[in-house]
Amino acid sequence: MSDPQFPSGEWVGFYTYANGSRKYLMDLVLEFKGGRMTGEGADEIGLFVISGTYSEQNGECAWMRANHVKTVATTEAVLSNKGKKNL
């Protein structure tokens, strides 16, 4: 069972680069359990997998993202229920 503040399932989100204001959209399927998060997603670059951690105390996440084109990026984020898809 996932944590109530971090419900597992489908999410939508975006990321930006440090020097720009453009938002790059991504679709995610995330699983949250015991402070660990895993999942997969897709954006305009392609498919990727996610592995990381989250904190219920401060609402923050940190994860590694590995694209299927062998690019790895480290991400820190604050998740909001605005990104959770309600099915």
PDB file of N, CA and C in Angstrom:
ATOM      1  N   MET A   1       0.837  -1.183   0.000  1.00  0.00           N
ATOM      2  CA  MET A   1       0.000   0.000   0.000  1.00  0.00           C
ATOM      3  C   MET A   1       0.880   1.244   0.000  1.00  0.00           C
ATOM      4  N   SER A   2       0.534   2.227  -0.798  1.00  0.00           N
ATOM      5  CA  SER A   2       1.322   3.451  -0.859  1.00  0.00           C
ATOM      6  C   SER A   2       0.927   4.401   0.269  1.00  0.00           C
ATOM      7  N   ASP A   3       1.769   5.384   0.513  1.00  0.00           N
ATOM      8  CA  ASP A   3       1.497   6.377   1.545  1.00  0.00           C
ATOM      9  C   ASP A   3       0.412   7.337   1.071  1.00  0.00           C
ATOM     10  N   PRO A   4      -0.502   7.779   1.956  1.00  0.00           N
ATOM     11  CA  PRO A   4      -1.621   8.632   1.550  1.00  0.00           C
ATOM     12  C   PRO A   4      -1.194   9.935   0.860  1.00  0.00           C
ATOM     13  N   GLN A   5      -0.119  10.546   1.318  1.00  0.00           N
ATOM     14  CA  GLN A   5       0.349  11.797   0.712  1.00  0.00           C
ATOM     15  C   GLN A   5       0.962  11.558  -0.670  1.00  0.00           C
ATOM     16  N   PHE A   6       1.416  10.337  -0.915  1.00  0.00           N
ATOM     17  CA  PHE A   6       2.050   9.976  -2.176  1.00  0.00           C
ATOM     18  C   PHE A   6       1.344   8.763  -2.768  1.00  0.00           C
ATOM     19  N   PRO A   7       0.163   8.954  -3.344  1.00  0.00           N
ATOM     20  CA  PRO A   7      -0.567   7.804  -3.883  1.00  0.00           C
ATOM     21  C   PRO A   7       0.110   7.244  -5.142  1.00  0.00           C
ATOM     22  N   SER A   8       0.272   5.949  -5.175  1.00  0.00           N
ATOM     23  CA  SER A   8       0.830   5.290  -6.349  1.00  0.00           C
ATOM     24  C   SER A   8      -0.171   5.355  -7.492  1.00  0.00           C
ATOM     25  N   GLY A   9       0.348   5.343  -8.711  1.00  0.00           N
ATOM     26  CA  GLY A   9      -0.514   5.351  -9.888  1.00  0.00           C
ATOM     27  C   GLY A   9      -0.013   6.312 -10.943  1.00  0.00           C
ATOM     28  N   GLU A  10      -0.930   6.758 -11.773  1.00  0.00           N
ATOM     29  CA  GLU A  10      -0.592   7.640 -12.888  1.00  0.00           C
ATOM     30  C   GLU A  10      -0.467   9.086 -12.412  1.00  0.00           C
ATOM     31  N   TRP A  11       0.588   9.747 -12.870  1.00  0.00           N
ATOM     32  CA  TRP A  11       0.838  11.155 -12.579  1.00  0.00           C
ATOM     33  C   TRP A  11       1.189  11.861 -13.887  1.00  0.00           C
ATOM     34  N   VAL A  12       0.971  13.152 -13.925  1.00  0.00           N
ATOM     35  CA  VAL A  12       1.470  13.990 -15.013  1.00  0.00           C
ATOM     36  C   VAL A  12       2.333  15.067 -14.370  1.00  0.00           C
ATOM     37  N   GLY A  13       3.316  15.527 -15.087  1.00  0.00           N
ATOM     38  CA  GLY A  13       4.189  16.547 -14.519  1.00  0.00           C
ATOM     39  C   GLY A  13       4.972  17.253 -15.605  1.00  0.00           C
ATOM     40  N   PHE A  14       5.908  18.055 -15.160  1.00  0.00           N
ATOM     41  CA  PHE A  14       6.787  18.758 -16.087  1.00  0.00           C
ATOM     42  C   PHE A  14       8.114  19.012 -15.416  1.00  0.00           C
ATOM     43  N   TYR A  15       9.102  19.313 -16.237  1.00  0.00           N
ATOM     44  CA  TYR A  15      10.402  19.726 -15.732  1.00  0.00           C
ATOM     45  C   TYR A  15      10.879  20.912 -16.550  1.00  0.00           C
ATOM     46  N   THR A  16      11.806  21.659 -15.993  1.00  0.00           N
ATOM     47  CA  THR A  16      12.427  22.787 -16.687  1.00  0.00           C
ATOM     48  C   THR A  16      13.934  22.641 -16.562  1.00  0.00           C
ATOM     49  N   TYR A  17      14.638  23.296 -17.435  1.00  0.00           N
ATOM     50  CA  TYR A  17      16.086  23.371 -17.314  1.00  0.00           C
ATOM     51  C   TYR A  17      16.433  24.657 -16.581  1.00  0.00           C
ATOM     52  N   ALA A  18      17.575  24.670 -15.920  1.00  0.00           N
ATOM     53  CA  ALA A  18      17.963  25.798 -15.060  1.00  0.00           C
ATOM     54  C   ALA A  18      17.960  27.142 -15.798  1.00  0.00           C
ATOM     55  N   ASN A  19      18.293  27.154 -17.055  1.00  0.00           N
ATOM     56  CA  ASN A  19      18.405  28.424 -17.778  1.00  0.00           C
ATOM     57  C   ASN A  19      17.182  28.749 -18.641  1.00  0.00           C
ATOM     58  N   GLY A  20      16.090  28.029 -18.464  1.00  0.00           N
ATOM     59  CA  GLY A  20      14.928  28.276 -19.307  1.00  0.00           C
ATOM     60  C   GLY A  20      13.632  28.244 -18.528  1.00  0.00           C
ATOM     61  N   SER A  21      12.599  28.728 -19.170  1.00  0.00           N
ATOM     62  CA  SER A  21      11.294  28.740 -18.518  1.00  0.00           C
ATOM     63  C   SER A  21      10.309  27.781 -19.185  1.00  0.00           C
ATOM     64  N   ARG A  22      10.724  27.138 -20.276  1.00  0.00           N
ATOM     65  CA  ARG A  22       9.839  26.200 -20.952  1.00  0.00           C
ATOM     66  C   ARG A  22       9.589  24.983 -20.068  1.00  0.00           C
ATOM     67  N   LYS A  23       8.337  24.543 -20.024  1.00  0.00           N
ATOM     68  CA  LYS A  23       7.952  23.355 -19.275  1.00  0.00           C
ATOM     69  C   LYS A  23       7.882  22.168 -20.232  1.00  0.00           C
ATOM     70  N   TYR A  24       8.614  21.112 -19.900  1.00  0.00           N
ATOM     71  CA  TYR A  24       8.617  19.890 -20.682  1.00  0.00           C
ATOM     72  C   TYR A  24       7.702  18.889 -19.986  1.00  0.00           C
ATOM     73  N   LEU A  25       6.614  18.520 -20.644  1.00  0.00           N
ATOM     74  CA  LEU A  25       5.611  17.636 -20.042  1.00  0.00           C
ATOM     75  C   LEU A  25       6.070  16.188 -20.021  1.00  0.00           C
ATOM     76  N   MET A  26       5.616  15.453 -18.995  1.00  0.00           N
ATOM     77  CA  MET A  26       5.900  14.025 -18.910  1.00  0.00           C
ATOM     78  C   MET A  26       4.726  13.304 -18.262  1.00  0.00           C
ATOM     79  N   ASP A  27       4.487  12.084 -18.711  1.00  0.00           N
ATOM     80  CA  ASP A  27       3.501  11.188 -18.116  1.00  0.00           C
ATOM     81  C   ASP A  27       4.267  10.166 -17.304  1.00  0.00           C
ATOM     82  N   LEU A  28       3.777   9.885 -16.090  1.00  0.00           N
ATOM     83  CA  LEU A  28       4.476   8.998 -15.172  1.00  0.00           C
ATOM     84  C   LEU A  28       3.537   7.951 -14.589  1.00  0.00           C
ATOM     85  N   VAL A  29       4.075   6.787 -14.279  1.00  0.00           N
ATOM     86  CA  VAL A  29       3.403   5.778 -13.464  1.00  0.00           C
ATOM     87  C   VAL A  29       4.369   5.513 -12.320  1.00  0.00           C
ATOM     88  N   LEU A  30       3.971   5.912 -11.106  1.00  0.00           N
ATOM     89  CA  LEU A  30       4.868   5.865  -9.954  1.00  0.00           C
ATOM     90  C   LEU A  30       4.322   4.963  -8.858  1.00  0.00           C
ATOM     91  N   GLU A  31       5.230   4.311  -8.142  1.00  0.00           N
ATOM     92  CA  GLU A  31       4.866   3.527  -6.966  1.00  0.00           C
ATOM     93  C   GLU A  31       5.658   4.065  -5.776  1.00  0.00           C
ATOM     94  N   PHE A  32       4.936   4.392  -4.705  1.00  0.00           N
ATOM     95  CA  PHE A  32       5.527   4.913  -3.474  1.00  0.00           C
ATOM     96  C   PHE A  32       5.299   3.907  -2.362  1.00  0.00           C
ATOM     97  N   LYS A  33       6.372   3.539  -1.667  1.00  0.00           N
ATOM     98  CA  LYS A  33       6.226   2.590  -0.565  1.00  0.00           C
ATOM     99  C   LYS A  33       7.431   2.707   0.360  1.00  0.00           C
ATOM    100  N   GLY A  34       7.160   2.986   1.638  1.00  0.00           N
ATOM    101  CA  GLY A  34       8.205   2.986   2.643  1.00  0.00           C
ATOM    102  C   GLY A  34       9.353   3.943   2.386  1.00  0.00           C
ATOM    103  N   GLY A  35       9.080   5.098   1.810  1.00  0.00           N
ATOM    104  CA  GLY A  35      10.123   6.073   1.540  1.00  0.00           C
ATOM    105  C   GLY A  35      10.859   5.880   0.229  1.00  0.00           C
ATOM    106  N   ARG A  36      10.531   4.830  -0.516  1.00  0.00           N
ATOM    107  CA  ARG A  36      11.157   4.576  -1.823  1.00  0.00           C
ATOM    108  C   ARG A  36      10.133   4.794  -2.920  1.00  0.00           C
ATOM    109  N   MET A  37      10.600   5.312  -4.045  1.00  0.00           N
ATOM    110  CA  MET A  37       9.725   5.467  -5.211  1.00  0.00           C
ATOM    111  C   MET A  37      10.383   4.821  -6.422  1.00  0.00           C
ATOM    112  N   THR A  38       9.547   4.192  -7.239  1.00  0.00           N
ATOM    113  CA  THR A  38       9.990   3.598  -8.492  1.00  0.00           C
ATOM    114  C   THR A  38       8.929   3.892  -9.535  1.00  0.00           C
ATOM    115  N   GLY A  39       9.293   3.767 -10.784  1.00  0.00           N
ATOM    116  CA  GLY A  39       8.293   3.981 -11.818  1.00  0.00           C
ATOM    117  C   GLY A  39       8.897   4.096 -13.192  1.00  0.00           C
ATOM    118  N   GLU A  40       8.039   4.541 -14.086  1.00  0.00           N
ATOM    119  CA  GLU A  40       8.441   4.740 -15.476  1.00  0.00           C
ATOM    120  C   GLU A  40       7.673   5.914 -16.029  1.00  0.00           C
ATOM    121  N   GLY A  41       8.156   6.419 -17.144  1.00  0.00           N
ATOM    122  CA  GLY A  41       7.497   7.570 -17.737  1.00  0.00           C
ATOM    123  C   GLY A  41       7.872   7.760 -19.186  1.00  0.00           C
ATOM    124  N   ALA A  42       7.283   8.805 -19.750  1.00  0.00           N
ATOM    125  CA  ALA A  42       7.555   9.158 -21.138  1.00  0.00           C
ATOM    126  C   ALA A  42       7.462  10.665 -21.279  1.00  0.00           C
ATOM    127  N   ASP A  43       8.355  11.214 -22.112  1.00  0.00           N
ATOM    128  CA  ASP A  43       8.319  12.631 -22.461  1.00  0.00           C
ATOM    129  C   ASP A  43       8.724  12.757 -23.924  1.00  0.00           C
ATOM    130  N   GLU A  44       9.003  13.960 -24.375  1.00  0.00           N
ATOM    131  CA  GLU A  44       9.322  14.141 -25.790  1.00  0.00           C
ATOM    132  C   GLU A  44      10.656  13.507 -26.185  1.00  0.00           C
ATOM    133  N   ILE A  45      11.507  13.194 -25.207  1.00  0.00           N
ATOM    134  CA  ILE A  45      12.764  12.514 -25.496  1.00  0.00           C
ATOM    135  C   ILE A  45      12.536  11.024 -25.694  1.00  0.00           C
ATOM    136  N   GLY A  46      11.620  10.451 -24.906  1.00  0.00           N
ATOM    137  CA  GLY A  46      11.334   9.028 -25.015  1.00  0.00           C
ATOM    138  C   GLY A  46      10.943   8.427 -23.684  1.00  0.00           C
ATOM    139  N   LEU A  47      11.117   7.113 -23.578  1.00  0.00           N
ATOM    140  CA  LEU A  47      10.751   6.376 -22.377  1.00  0.00           C
ATOM    141  C   LEU A  47      11.892   6.413 -21.364  1.00  0.00           C
ATOM    142  N   PHE A  48      11.550   6.337 -20.071  1.00  0.00           N
ATOM    143  CA  PHE A  48      12.556   6.309 -19.022  1.00  0.00           C
ATOM    144  C   PHE A  48      12.027   5.563 -17.808  1.00  0.00           C
ATOM    145  N   VAL A  49      12.937   5.175 -16.929  1.00  0.00           N
ATOM    146  CA  VAL A  49      12.587   4.551 -15.656  1.00  0.00           C
ATOM    147  C   VAL A  49      13.082   5.458 -14.531  1.00  0.00           C
ATOM    148  N   ILE A  50      12.436   5.360 -13.367  1.00  0.00           N
ATOM    149  CA  ILE A  50      12.734   6.202 -12.214  1.00  0.00           C
ATOM    150  C   ILE A  50      12.982   5.318 -10.998  1.00  0.00           C
ATOM    151  N   SER A  51      13.974   5.695 -10.196  1.00  0.00           N
ATOM    152  CA  SER A  51      14.237   5.050  -8.922  1.00  0.00           C
ATOM    153  C   SER A  51      14.705   6.130  -7.955  1.00  0.00           C
ATOM    154  N   GLY A  52      14.072   6.217  -6.775  1.00  0.00           N
ATOM    155  CA  GLY A  52      14.471   7.264  -5.848  1.00  0.00           C
ATOM    156  C   GLY A  52      13.824   7.143  -4.486  1.00  0.00           C
ATOM    157  N   THR A  53      13.781   8.277  -3.788  1.00  0.00           N
ATOM    158  CA  THR A  53      13.234   8.340  -2.437  1.00  0.00           C
ATOM    159  C   THR A  53      12.253   9.505  -2.328  1.00  0.00           C
ATOM    160  N   TYR A  54      11.422   9.462  -1.278  1.00  0.00           N
ATOM    161  CA  TYR A  54      10.513  10.565  -1.004  1.00  0.00           C
ATOM    162  C   TYR A  54      10.386  10.732   0.498  1.00  0.00           C
ATOM    163  N   SER A  55       9.960  11.924   0.908  1.00  0.00           N
ATOM    164  CA  SER A  55       9.801  12.228   2.326  1.00  0.00           C
ATOM    165  C   SER A  55       8.406  12.770   2.574  1.00  0.00           C
ATOM    166  N   GLU A  56       7.639  12.094   3.425  1.00  0.00           N
ATOM    167  CA  GLU A  56       6.325  12.615   3.808  1.00  0.00           C
ATOM    168  C   GLU A  56       6.462  13.866   4.664  1.00  0.00           C
ATOM    169  N   GLN A  57       7.563  13.998   5.391  1.00  0.00           N
ATOM    170  CA  GLN A  57       7.747  15.139   6.286  1.00  0.00           C
ATOM    171  C   GLN A  57       7.837  16.457   5.519  1.00  0.00           C
ATOM    172  N   ASN A  58       8.590  16.488   4.418  1.00  0.00           N
ATOM    173  CA  ASN A  58       8.737  17.750   3.685  1.00  0.00           C
ATOM    174  C   ASN A  58       8.111  17.727   2.288  1.00  0.00           C
ATOM    175  N   GLY A  59       7.532  16.600   1.884  1.00  0.00           N
ATOM    176  CA  GLY A  59       6.856  16.517   0.591  1.00  0.00           C
ATOM    177  C   GLY A  59       7.787  16.499  -0.606  1.00  0.00           C
ATOM    178  N   GLU A  60       9.060  16.213  -0.388  1.00  0.00           N
ATOM    179  CA  GLU A  60      10.029  16.248  -1.474  1.00  0.00           C
ATOM    180  C   GLU A  60      10.435  14.854  -1.922  1.00  0.00           C
ATOM    181  N   CYS A  61      10.865  14.791  -3.173  1.00  0.00           N
ATOM    182  CA  CYS A  61      11.348  13.552  -3.778  1.00  0.00           C
ATOM    183  C   CYS A  61      12.706  13.812  -4.416  1.00  0.00           C
ATOM    184  N   ALA A  62      13.490  12.780  -4.514  1.00  0.00           N
ATOM    185  CA  ALA A  62      14.748  12.829  -5.269  1.00  0.00           C
ATOM    186  C   ALA A  62      14.859  11.504  -6.007  1.00  0.00           C
ATOM    187  N   TRP A  63      15.172  11.562  -7.297  1.00  0.00           N
ATOM    188  CA  TRP A  63      15.245  10.324  -8.040  1.00  0.00           C
ATOM    189  C   TRP A  63      16.269  10.400  -9.155  1.00  0.00           C
ATOM    190  N   MET A  64      16.650   9.221  -9.610  1.00  0.00           N
ATOM    191  CA  MET A  64      17.479   9.072 -10.799  1.00  0.00           C
ATOM    192  C   MET A  64      16.550   8.651 -11.918  1.00  0.00           C
ATOM    193  N   ARG A  65      16.773   9.226 -13.059  1.00  0.00           N
ATOM    194  CA  ARG A  65      15.979   8.936 -14.243  1.00  0.00           C
ATOM    195  C   ARG A  65      16.922   8.394 -15.294  1.00  0.00           C
ATOM    196  N   ALA A  66      16.614   7.256 -15.840  1.00  0.00           N
ATOM    197  CA  ALA A  66      17.441   6.658 -16.893  1.00  0.00           C
ATOM    198  C   ALA A  66      16.601   6.497 -18.151  1.00  0.00           C
ATOM    199  N   ASN A  67      16.985   7.220 -19.190  1.00  0.00           N
ATOM    200  CA  ASN A  67      16.308   7.083 -20.478  1.00  0.00           C
ATOM    201  C   ASN A  67      16.785   5.817 -21.160  1.00  0.00           C
ATOM    202  N   HIS A  68      15.978   5.320 -22.031  1.00  0.00           N
ATOM    203  CA  HIS A  68      16.351   4.133 -22.781  1.00  0.00           C
ATOM    204  C   HIS A  68      17.439   4.442 -23.802  1.00  0.00           C
ATOM    205  N   VAL A  69      17.801   5.721 -23.922  1.00  0.00           N
ATOM    206  CA  VAL A  69      18.919   6.108 -24.793  1.00  0.00           C
ATOM    207  C   VAL A  69      20.185   6.281 -23.957  1.00  0.00           C
ATOM    208  N   LYS A  70      20.190   5.717 -22.735  1.00  0.00           N
ATOM    209  CA  LYS A  70      21.331   5.673 -21.827  1.00  0.00           C
ATOM    210  C   LYS A  70      21.730   7.033 -21.272  1.00  0.00           C
ATOM    211  N   THR A  71      20.771   7.917 -21.102  1.00  0.00           N
ATOM    212  CA  THR A  71      21.013   9.183 -20.433  1.00  0.00           C
ATOM    213  C   THR A  71      20.492   9.069 -19.011  1.00  0.00           C
ATOM    214  N   VAL A  72      21.274   9.506 -18.036  1.00  0.00           N
ATOM    215  CA  VAL A  72      20.847   9.465 -16.641  1.00  0.00           C
ATOM    216  C   VAL A  72      20.831  10.884 -16.108  1.00  0.00           C
ATOM    217  N   ALA A  73      19.762  11.247 -15.411  1.00  0.00           N
ATOM    218  CA  ALA A  73      19.641  12.580 -14.822  1.00  0.00           C
ATOM    219  C   ALA A  73      19.173  12.439 -13.382  1.00  0.00           C
ATOM    220  N   THR A  74      19.710  13.272 -12.518  1.00  0.00           N
ATOM    221  CA  THR A  74      19.278  13.320 -11.131  1.00  0.00           C
ATOM    222  C   THR A  74      18.278  14.451 -10.985  1.00  0.00           C
ATOM    223  N   THR A  75      17.167  14.183 -10.310  1.00  0.00           N
ATOM    224  CA  THR A  75      16.096  15.165 -10.193  1.00  0.00           C
ATOM    225  C   THR A  75      15.680  15.307  -8.747  1.00  0.00           C
ATOM    226  N   GLU A  76      15.438  16.539  -8.325  1.00  0.00           N
ATOM    227  CA  GLU A  76      14.807  16.803  -7.044  1.00  0.00           C
ATOM    228  C   GLU A  76      13.505  17.516  -7.340  1.00  0.00           C
ATOM    229  N   ALA A  77      12.445  17.132  -6.634  1.00  0.00           N
ATOM    230  CA  ALA A  77      11.132  17.682  -6.963  1.00  0.00           C
ATOM    231  C   ALA A  77      10.256  17.762  -5.726  1.00  0.00           C
ATOM    232  N   VAL A  78       9.259  18.592  -5.840  1.00  0.00           N
ATOM    233  CA  VAL A  78       8.188  18.633  -4.852  1.00  0.00           C
ATOM    234  C   VAL A  78       6.932  18.167  -5.567  1.00  0.00           C
ATOM    235  N   LEU A  79       6.326  17.104  -5.065  1.00  0.00           N
ATOM    236  CA  LEU A  79       5.122  16.583  -5.701  1.00  0.00           C
ATOM    237  C   LEU A  79       3.894  17.275  -5.149  1.00  0.00           C
ATOM    238  N   SER A  80       2.934  17.460  -6.018  1.00  0.00           N
ATOM    239  CA  SER A  80       1.672  18.082  -5.639  1.00  0.00           C
ATOM    240  C   SER A  80       0.551  17.181  -6.118  1.00  0.00           C
ATOM    241  N   ASN A  81      -0.548  17.131  -5.380  1.00  0.00           N
ATOM    242  CA  ASN A  81      -1.692  16.354  -5.828  1.00  0.00           C
ATOM    243  C   ASN A  81      -2.255  16.887  -7.130  1.00  0.00           C
ATOM    244  N   LYS A  82      -1.848  18.074  -7.557  1.00  0.00           N
ATOM    245  CA  LYS A  82      -2.279  18.586  -8.854  1.00  0.00           C
ATOM    246  C   LYS A  82      -1.770  17.690  -9.979  1.00  0.00           C
ATOM    247  N   GLY A  83      -0.684  16.946  -9.735  1.00  0.00           N
ATOM    248  CA  GLY A  83      -0.123  16.072 -10.750  1.00  0.00           C
ATOM    249  C   GLY A  83      -0.717  14.691 -10.753  1.00  0.00           C
ATOM    250  N   LYS A  84      -1.449  14.309  -9.727  1.00  0.00           N
ATOM    251  CA  LYS A  84      -2.030  12.978  -9.635  1.00  0.00           C
ATOM    252  C   LYS A  84      -3.242  12.879 -10.538  1.00  0.00           C
ATOM    253  N   LYS A  85      -3.261  11.870 -11.380  1.00  0.00           N
ATOM    254  CA  LYS A  85      -4.418  11.643 -12.239  1.00  0.00           C
ATOM    255  C   LYS A  85      -5.505  10.943 -11.439  1.00  0.00           C
ATOM    256  N   ASN A  86      -6.686  11.462 -11.456  1.00  0.00           N
ATOM    257  CA  ASN A  86      -7.832  10.819 -10.794  1.00  0.00           C
ATOM    258  C   ASN A  86      -8.549   9.973 -11.830  1.00  0.00           C
ATOM    259  N   LEU A  87      -8.544   8.683 -11.610  1.00  0.00           N
ATOM    260  CA  LEU A  87      -9.185   7.782 -12.592  1.00  0.00           C
ATOM    261  C   LEU A  87     -10.581   7.436 -12.158  1.00  0.00           C
TER     262      LEU A  87
END
